[in-house]
Amino acid sequence: MDEAKIELEGDSHPVVALALLKIIMTSHADEKPDRDWILSTYADCLAVVGGAEVEFDDDDTAEDDAPARAE
């Protein structure tokens, strides 16, 4: 199935969040994300564009392997 070509215009929060989602999906091009992943990731993008800090689980890195954060 060919991907739909989506052109974005404007700088509203939803448009910027969708642009960010497109960038993230491009970085995951080797995967086929499901509906839940897409909607959850878009919600995270929308929150970030609105100024929120979003935490995420990195499946590639275990918590014990993560570098310690300086406080």
Protein backbone atom coordinates (compact mmCIF):
# COMPACT_ATOMS: atom_id res chain seq x y z
CA MET A 1 0.00 0.00 0.00
CA ASP A 2 1.39 3.38 -0.99
CA GLU A 3 1.62 6.05 1.68
CA ALA A 4 -0.66 9.03 1.30
CA LYS A 5 1.07 12.27 0.38
CA ILE A 6 0.16 14.85 3.03
CA GLU A 7 1.08 18.49 2.55
CA LEU A 8 1.05 20.60 5.72
CA GLU A 9 0.31 24.31 5.88
CA GLY A 10 0.34 26.67 8.82
CA ASP A 11 1.93 26.68 12.23
CA SER A 12 -0.90 25.67 14.55
CA HIS A 13 -0.10 23.15 17.27
CA PRO A 14 -1.91 20.29 15.48
CA VAL A 15 -0.05 20.99 12.21
CA VAL A 16 3.35 21.18 13.91
CA ALA A 17 2.56 18.00 15.87
CA LEU A 18 1.64 16.21 12.64
CA ALA A 19 4.90 17.37 11.04
CA LEU A 20 6.79 16.02 14.06
CA LEU A 21 4.89 12.73 13.78
CA LYS A 22 5.90 12.47 10.12
CA ILE A 23 9.56 12.96 11.09
CA ILE A 24 9.30 10.28 13.79
CA MET A 25 7.56 7.85 11.43
CA THR A 26 10.30 8.41 8.85
CA SER A 27 12.86 7.39 11.46
CA HIS A 28 10.84 4.20 12.03
CA ALA A 29 10.44 3.46 8.31
CA ASP A 30 11.53 -0.15 8.74
CA GLU A 31 8.59 -0.78 11.10
CA LYS A 32 4.85 -0.86 10.41
CA PRO A 33 3.30 1.03 13.34
CA ASP A 34 -0.24 0.15 14.29
CA ARG A 35 -3.12 2.55 14.87
CA ASP A 36 -2.57 2.74 18.65
CA TRP A 37 1.12 3.62 18.21
CA ILE A 38 0.31 6.32 15.67
CA LEU A 39 -2.40 7.92 17.81
CA SER A 40 -0.34 7.69 20.99
CA THR A 41 2.71 9.16 19.30
CA TYR A 42 0.63 11.98 17.77
CA ALA A 43 -0.80 12.74 21.22
CA ASP A 44 2.77 12.90 22.58
CA CYS A 45 3.78 15.20 19.71
CA LEU A 46 0.81 17.46 20.38
CA ALA A 47 1.68 17.60 24.09
CA VAL A 48 5.32 18.45 23.35
CA VAL A 49 4.35 21.17 20.89
CA GLY A 50 2.15 22.60 23.65
CA GLY A 51 5.14 22.75 25.99
CA ALA A 52 4.80 19.51 27.96
CA GLU A 53 7.68 17.20 28.72
CA VAL A 54 6.87 13.67 27.63
CA GLU A 55 8.66 10.62 28.98
CA PHE A 56 8.90 7.51 26.87
CA ASP A 57 10.16 3.97 27.21
CA ASP A 58 13.15 3.16 25.06
CA ASP A 59 12.81 -0.52 24.25
CA ASP A 60 16.45 -0.67 23.13
CA THR A 61 17.88 0.47 26.47
CA ALA A 62 17.22 -1.15 29.81
CA GLU A 63 16.80 1.15 32.80
CA ASP A 64 19.97 -0.24 34.39
CA ASP A 65 21.95 0.67 31.27
CA ALA A 66 20.67 4.27 31.13
CA PRO A 67 23.18 6.94 32.11
CA ALA A 68 22.57 8.66 35.42
CA ARG A 69 21.14 12.15 35.21
CA ALA A 70 22.89 15.01 36.97
CA GLU A 71 20.57 16.83 39.35
